[in-house]
N, C-alpha and C. Protein backbone atom coordinates (compact mmCIF):
# COMPACT_ATOMS: atom_id res chain seq x y z
N UNK A 1 150.09 86.85 85.47
CA UNK A 1 148.67 87.43 85.75
C UNK A 1 148.55 88.68 85.01
N UNK A 2 147.37 88.71 84.32
CA UNK A 2 147.00 89.99 83.68
C UNK A 2 145.62 90.53 84.29
N UNK A 3 145.82 91.88 84.66
CA UNK A 3 144.39 92.30 85.25
C UNK A 3 144.07 93.68 84.69
N UNK A 4 142.72 93.85 84.70
CA UNK A 4 142.27 95.22 84.50
C UNK A 4 141.07 95.37 85.50
N UNK A 5 140.81 96.63 85.70
CA UNK A 5 139.48 96.81 86.58
C UNK A 5 138.43 97.44 85.71
N UNK A 6 137.15 97.10 86.26
CA UNK A 6 136.04 97.63 85.51
C UNK A 6 134.78 97.75 86.43
N UNK A 7 134.06 98.74 86.31
CA UNK A 7 132.88 98.94 87.10
C UNK A 7 131.90 97.95 86.82
N UNK A 8 131.23 97.44 87.61
CA UNK A 8 130.12 96.42 87.37
C UNK A 8 128.96 96.91 86.35
N UNK A 9 128.77 98.08 86.54
CA UNK A 9 127.69 98.76 85.57
C UNK A 9 128.07 99.08 84.26
N UNK A 10 129.38 98.88 83.86
CA UNK A 10 129.74 99.07 82.53
C UNK A 10 129.42 97.82 81.86
N UNK A 11 129.41 97.87 80.57
CA UNK A 11 128.91 96.84 79.69
C UNK A 11 129.84 95.64 79.75
N UNK A 12 129.56 94.47 79.62
CA UNK A 12 130.31 93.20 79.64
C UNK A 12 130.89 93.12 78.22
N UNK A 13 131.95 92.62 78.18
CA UNK A 13 132.59 92.48 76.77
C UNK A 13 133.45 91.06 76.89
N UNK A 14 133.48 90.46 75.67
CA UNK A 14 134.26 89.18 75.58
C UNK A 14 135.69 89.36 76.00
N UNK A 15 136.22 90.52 75.72
CA UNK A 15 137.50 90.86 76.08
C UNK A 15 137.83 90.93 77.49
N UNK A 16 136.76 90.93 78.41
CA UNK A 16 137.16 90.90 79.77
C UNK A 16 137.70 89.78 80.33
N UNK A 17 137.68 88.71 79.65
CA UNK A 17 138.18 87.46 80.18
C UNK A 17 137.46 86.99 81.51
N UNK A 18 138.25 86.45 82.43
CA UNK A 18 137.50 86.05 83.64
C UNK A 18 136.91 87.21 84.51
N UNK A 19 135.68 87.43 84.95
CA UNK A 19 135.29 88.52 85.65
C UNK A 19 135.08 88.25 87.06
N UNK A 20 135.79 88.95 87.90
CA UNK A 20 135.74 88.61 89.32
C UNK A 20 135.23 89.91 90.20
N UNK A 21 134.19 89.63 90.93
CA UNK A 21 133.63 90.69 91.76
C UNK A 21 134.40 90.70 93.01
N UNK A 22 134.84 91.94 93.51
CA UNK A 22 135.65 92.05 94.76
C UNK A 22 134.88 92.94 95.67
N UNK A 23 133.65 92.77 95.77
CA UNK A 23 132.85 93.59 96.72
C UNK A 23 132.17 92.54 97.73
N UNK A 24 132.13 92.91 99.00
CA UNK A 24 131.49 92.06 99.96
C UNK A 24 130.07 91.96 99.84
N UNK A 25 129.31 93.06 99.35
CA UNK A 25 127.87 93.10 99.24
C UNK A 25 127.72 93.02 97.59
N UNK A 26 126.58 92.33 97.29
CA UNK A 26 126.05 92.29 95.88
C UNK A 26 125.72 93.67 95.47
N UNK A 27 126.25 94.32 94.31
CA UNK A 27 125.89 95.62 93.86
C UNK A 27 124.34 95.90 93.75
N UNK A 28 123.93 97.12 94.08
CA UNK A 28 122.50 97.28 93.90
C UNK A 28 122.06 97.57 92.43
N UNK A 29 120.92 96.94 91.94
CA UNK A 29 120.48 97.23 90.67
C UNK A 29 120.83 96.48 89.55
N UNK A 30 121.53 95.54 89.79
CA UNK A 30 122.10 94.58 88.71
C UNK A 30 121.86 93.19 89.02
N UNK A 31 121.47 92.53 87.96
CA UNK A 31 121.06 91.01 88.20
C UNK A 31 122.46 90.22 87.96
N UNK A 32 122.47 89.22 88.66
CA UNK A 32 123.69 88.19 88.48
C UNK A 32 123.92 87.77 87.06
N UNK A 33 122.89 87.66 86.26
CA UNK A 33 123.02 87.25 84.81
C UNK A 33 123.56 88.39 84.18
N UNK A 34 123.06 89.76 84.35
CA UNK A 34 123.65 90.83 83.73
C UNK A 34 125.06 91.12 83.99
N UNK A 35 125.42 90.79 85.30
CA UNK A 35 126.97 91.08 85.57
C UNK A 35 127.96 90.21 85.11
N UNK A 36 127.25 88.95 84.60
CA UNK A 36 128.23 87.93 84.08
C UNK A 36 129.50 87.68 84.92
N UNK A 37 129.27 87.63 86.23
CA UNK A 37 130.50 87.22 87.14
C UNK A 37 130.84 85.86 87.14
N UNK A 38 132.21 85.46 87.01
CA UNK A 38 132.56 84.24 87.04
C UNK A 38 132.96 83.79 88.36
N UNK A 39 133.32 84.66 89.15
CA UNK A 39 133.64 84.25 90.59
C UNK A 39 133.48 85.69 91.45
N UNK A 40 132.71 85.41 92.42
CA UNK A 40 132.56 86.41 93.61
C UNK A 40 133.40 86.25 94.69
N UNK A 41 134.47 87.03 94.81
CA UNK A 41 135.52 86.87 95.76
C UNK A 41 135.19 87.76 96.94
N UNK A 42 134.07 87.72 97.65
CA UNK A 42 133.65 88.46 98.75
C UNK A 42 134.49 88.25 99.77
N UNK A 43 135.02 87.01 100.01
CA UNK A 43 135.88 86.63 101.09
C UNK A 43 137.29 87.54 101.07
N UNK A 44 137.65 87.97 99.97
CA UNK A 44 138.78 88.73 99.71
C UNK A 44 138.54 90.36 99.91
N UNK A 45 137.16 90.60 99.93
CA UNK A 45 136.87 92.20 99.77
C UNK A 45 137.24 92.71 101.16
N UNK A 46 137.35 94.03 101.21
CA UNK A 46 137.67 94.62 102.42
C UNK A 46 136.48 94.45 103.52
N UNK A 47 136.89 94.39 104.81
CA UNK A 47 136.09 94.16 105.79
C UNK A 47 134.92 95.28 105.85
N UNK A 48 133.76 94.99 106.49
CA UNK A 48 132.87 95.97 106.55
C UNK A 48 133.35 97.25 107.41
N UNK A 49 134.15 96.91 108.34
CA UNK A 49 134.62 97.96 109.18
C UNK A 49 135.58 98.87 108.31
N UNK A 50 136.46 98.40 107.54
CA UNK A 50 137.53 99.03 106.77
C UNK A 50 136.72 99.73 105.67
N UNK A 51 135.74 99.20 105.09
CA UNK A 51 135.08 99.83 104.05
C UNK A 51 134.36 101.15 104.48
N UNK A 52 133.55 100.90 105.63
CA UNK A 52 132.77 102.21 106.31
C UNK A 52 133.77 103.20 106.70
N UNK A 53 135.00 102.72 107.20
CA UNK A 53 136.10 103.75 107.67
C UNK A 53 136.49 104.65 106.38
N UNK A 54 136.80 103.90 105.32
CA UNK A 54 137.28 104.54 104.15
C UNK A 54 136.48 105.56 103.50
N UNK A 55 135.31 104.99 103.14
CA UNK A 55 134.26 105.80 102.37
C UNK A 55 134.82 106.64 101.32
N UNK A 56 135.82 106.05 100.46
CA UNK A 56 136.35 106.62 99.28
C UNK A 56 137.01 107.97 99.47
N UNK A 57 137.46 108.23 100.64
CA UNK A 57 138.17 109.54 101.02
C UNK A 57 139.62 109.39 100.51
N UNK A 58 139.90 110.20 99.50
CA UNK A 58 141.18 110.16 98.84
C UNK A 58 142.19 110.31 99.79
N UNK A 59 142.02 111.10 100.81
CA UNK A 59 143.18 111.28 101.88
C UNK A 59 143.48 110.04 102.65
N UNK A 60 142.49 109.12 102.67
CA UNK A 60 142.63 107.90 103.52
C UNK A 60 143.23 106.78 102.60
N UNK A 61 143.45 107.04 101.35
CA UNK A 61 143.88 105.87 100.37
C UNK A 61 145.08 105.22 100.74
N UNK A 62 146.13 105.81 101.11
CA UNK A 62 147.36 105.10 101.69
C UNK A 62 147.20 104.15 102.95
N UNK A 63 146.50 104.74 103.74
CA UNK A 63 146.12 104.00 104.96
C UNK A 63 145.13 102.82 104.65
N UNK A 64 144.15 103.13 103.82
CA UNK A 64 143.21 102.09 103.36
C UNK A 64 144.00 100.85 102.78
N UNK A 65 144.91 101.21 101.65
CA UNK A 65 145.73 100.12 101.09
C UNK A 65 146.54 99.42 102.13
N UNK A 66 147.12 100.09 103.02
CA UNK A 66 147.88 99.37 104.12
C UNK A 66 146.96 98.46 105.00
N UNK A 67 145.89 98.96 105.46
CA UNK A 67 144.81 98.11 106.29
C UNK A 67 144.44 96.91 105.29
N UNK A 68 144.06 97.15 104.19
CA UNK A 68 143.48 96.24 103.17
C UNK A 68 144.50 95.11 102.99
N UNK A 69 145.80 95.51 102.75
CA UNK A 69 146.76 94.42 102.50
C UNK A 69 147.04 93.66 103.70
N UNK A 70 146.80 94.26 105.00
CA UNK A 70 147.05 93.37 106.07
C UNK A 70 145.85 92.39 106.24
N UNK A 71 144.66 92.86 105.86
CA UNK A 71 143.61 91.94 105.85
C UNK A 71 143.83 90.83 104.72
N UNK A 72 144.28 91.13 103.60
CA UNK A 72 144.56 90.07 102.48
C UNK A 72 145.79 89.23 103.06
N UNK A 73 146.75 89.66 103.84
CA UNK A 73 147.85 88.81 104.25
C UNK A 73 147.23 87.72 105.35
N UNK A 74 146.14 88.04 106.00
CA UNK A 74 145.55 87.15 106.86
C UNK A 74 144.75 86.06 105.98
N UNK A 75 144.66 86.07 104.78
CA UNK A 75 144.11 84.97 103.90
C UNK A 75 145.11 84.29 103.11
N UNK A 76 146.31 83.97 103.68
CA UNK A 76 147.46 83.59 102.86
C UNK A 76 147.13 82.43 101.95
N UNK A 77 146.58 81.31 102.56
CA UNK A 77 146.20 80.12 101.61
C UNK A 77 145.20 80.42 100.50
N UNK A 78 144.25 81.24 100.80
CA UNK A 78 143.22 81.62 99.86
C UNK A 78 143.70 82.52 98.80
N UNK A 79 144.80 83.46 99.25
CA UNK A 79 145.20 84.36 98.09
C UNK A 79 146.15 83.54 97.32
N UNK A 80 146.93 82.67 97.85
CA UNK A 80 147.89 81.83 96.99
C UNK A 80 147.11 80.96 96.11
N UNK A 81 145.98 80.37 96.50
CA UNK A 81 145.03 79.80 95.52
C UNK A 81 144.41 80.60 94.56
N UNK A 82 144.01 81.74 94.82
CA UNK A 82 143.57 82.88 93.89
C UNK A 82 144.51 83.12 92.73
N UNK A 83 145.90 83.38 93.39
CA UNK A 83 147.00 83.64 92.30
C UNK A 83 147.15 82.53 91.25
N UNK A 84 147.14 81.24 91.93
CA UNK A 84 147.26 80.09 90.90
C UNK A 84 146.30 80.15 89.95
N UNK A 85 144.84 80.28 90.41
CA UNK A 85 143.73 80.31 89.59
C UNK A 85 143.74 81.25 88.56
N UNK A 86 144.36 82.53 88.86
CA UNK A 86 144.33 83.57 87.95
C UNK A 86 145.52 83.79 87.03
N UNK A 87 146.55 82.84 87.21
CA UNK A 87 147.77 83.03 86.60
C UNK A 87 147.69 83.03 85.10
N UNK A 88 147.05 82.31 84.35
CA UNK A 88 147.22 82.17 82.98
C UNK A 88 146.28 83.07 82.20
N UNK A 89 145.25 83.70 82.71
CA UNK A 89 144.12 84.37 81.97
C UNK A 89 144.34 85.92 82.11
N UNK A 90 143.57 86.55 81.28
CA UNK A 90 143.24 87.88 81.58
C UNK A 90 142.13 87.92 82.56
N UNK A 91 142.08 88.78 83.62
CA UNK A 91 141.13 88.88 84.65
C UNK A 91 140.58 90.18 84.78
N UNK A 92 139.38 90.30 84.88
CA UNK A 92 138.76 91.74 85.07
C UNK A 92 138.34 91.75 86.42
N UNK A 93 138.89 92.66 87.33
CA UNK A 93 138.44 92.72 88.83
C UNK A 93 137.30 93.70 88.70
N UNK A 94 136.08 93.31 89.03
CA UNK A 94 134.87 94.22 88.84
C UNK A 94 134.51 94.73 90.26
N UNK A 95 134.10 95.97 90.34
CA UNK A 95 133.72 96.73 91.58
C UNK A 95 132.57 97.51 91.27
N UNK A 96 131.96 97.98 92.30
CA UNK A 96 130.65 98.82 92.30
C UNK A 96 130.91 100.23 92.38
N UNK A 97 132.02 100.63 93.02
CA UNK A 97 132.19 102.07 93.43
C UNK A 97 132.18 103.16 92.31
N UNK A 98 131.74 104.11 92.44
CA UNK A 98 131.78 105.29 91.50
C UNK A 98 133.21 105.86 91.40
N UNK A 99 134.08 105.62 92.39
CA UNK A 99 135.49 105.91 92.28
C UNK A 99 136.20 105.03 91.44
N UNK A 100 136.69 105.42 90.33
CA UNK A 100 137.43 104.52 89.37
C UNK A 100 138.83 104.31 89.56
N UNK A 101 139.40 104.93 90.44
CA UNK A 101 140.99 104.79 90.68
C UNK A 101 141.37 104.33 92.02
N UNK A 102 140.72 105.00 93.02
CA UNK A 102 141.05 104.69 94.57
C UNK A 102 139.94 103.76 95.02
N UNK A 103 140.01 102.43 94.66
CA UNK A 103 138.93 101.50 95.08
C UNK A 103 139.55 100.16 95.58
N UNK A 104 138.83 99.31 95.92
CA UNK A 104 139.26 98.01 96.37
C UNK A 104 139.74 97.19 95.28
N UNK A 105 139.19 97.18 94.08
CA UNK A 105 139.64 96.50 92.99
C UNK A 105 140.97 97.02 92.65
N UNK A 106 141.25 98.30 92.51
CA UNK A 106 142.69 98.73 92.23
C UNK A 106 143.64 98.26 93.27
N UNK A 107 143.23 98.45 94.48
CA UNK A 107 144.18 97.96 95.67
C UNK A 107 144.39 96.32 95.57
N UNK A 108 143.37 95.47 95.29
CA UNK A 108 143.61 94.18 95.08
C UNK A 108 144.54 93.83 93.95
N UNK A 109 144.53 94.50 92.79
CA UNK A 109 145.39 94.27 91.69
C UNK A 109 146.80 94.72 92.05
N UNK A 110 146.98 95.84 92.97
CA UNK A 110 148.35 96.25 93.37
C UNK A 110 148.84 95.17 94.33
N UNK A 111 147.92 94.55 95.23
CA UNK A 111 148.48 93.49 96.10
C UNK A 111 148.87 92.18 95.42
N UNK A 112 148.05 91.66 94.26
CA UNK A 112 148.33 90.50 93.57
C UNK A 112 149.50 90.53 92.65
N UNK A 113 149.71 91.80 92.26
CA UNK A 113 150.99 92.03 91.38
C UNK A 113 152.14 92.42 92.25
N UNK A 114 152.08 92.58 93.46
CA UNK A 114 153.30 92.93 94.45
C UNK A 114 153.61 94.40 94.39
N UNK A 115 152.71 95.26 93.97
CA UNK A 115 152.88 96.67 94.11
C UNK A 115 152.46 97.22 95.52
N UNK A 116 153.47 97.25 96.29
CA UNK A 116 153.31 97.52 97.74
C UNK A 116 153.59 99.13 97.95
């Protein structure tokens, strides 16, 4: 599995490979056509409660990752299918947050690649 992360408001590039949106809510101000999303993985996005608790507070990042990984562990069969589906391609995990490093896309990549 090869991953990169990219903000949904950044320009789409053919080198993005498969584009997967990992937000529970559709990002404001962008059409589905302009976003060029191949798969909207909203079922694997952080819960509303977790997202609202975190609010991109860097001091909460370690706890956010821990809680998010616990949520992802609860999707065992779906995550296994996602890993299989994403195994051979370059995948761009797309997110809406202004925070470029400490966001749910980065956490998902860490989870899928076994970086605990």
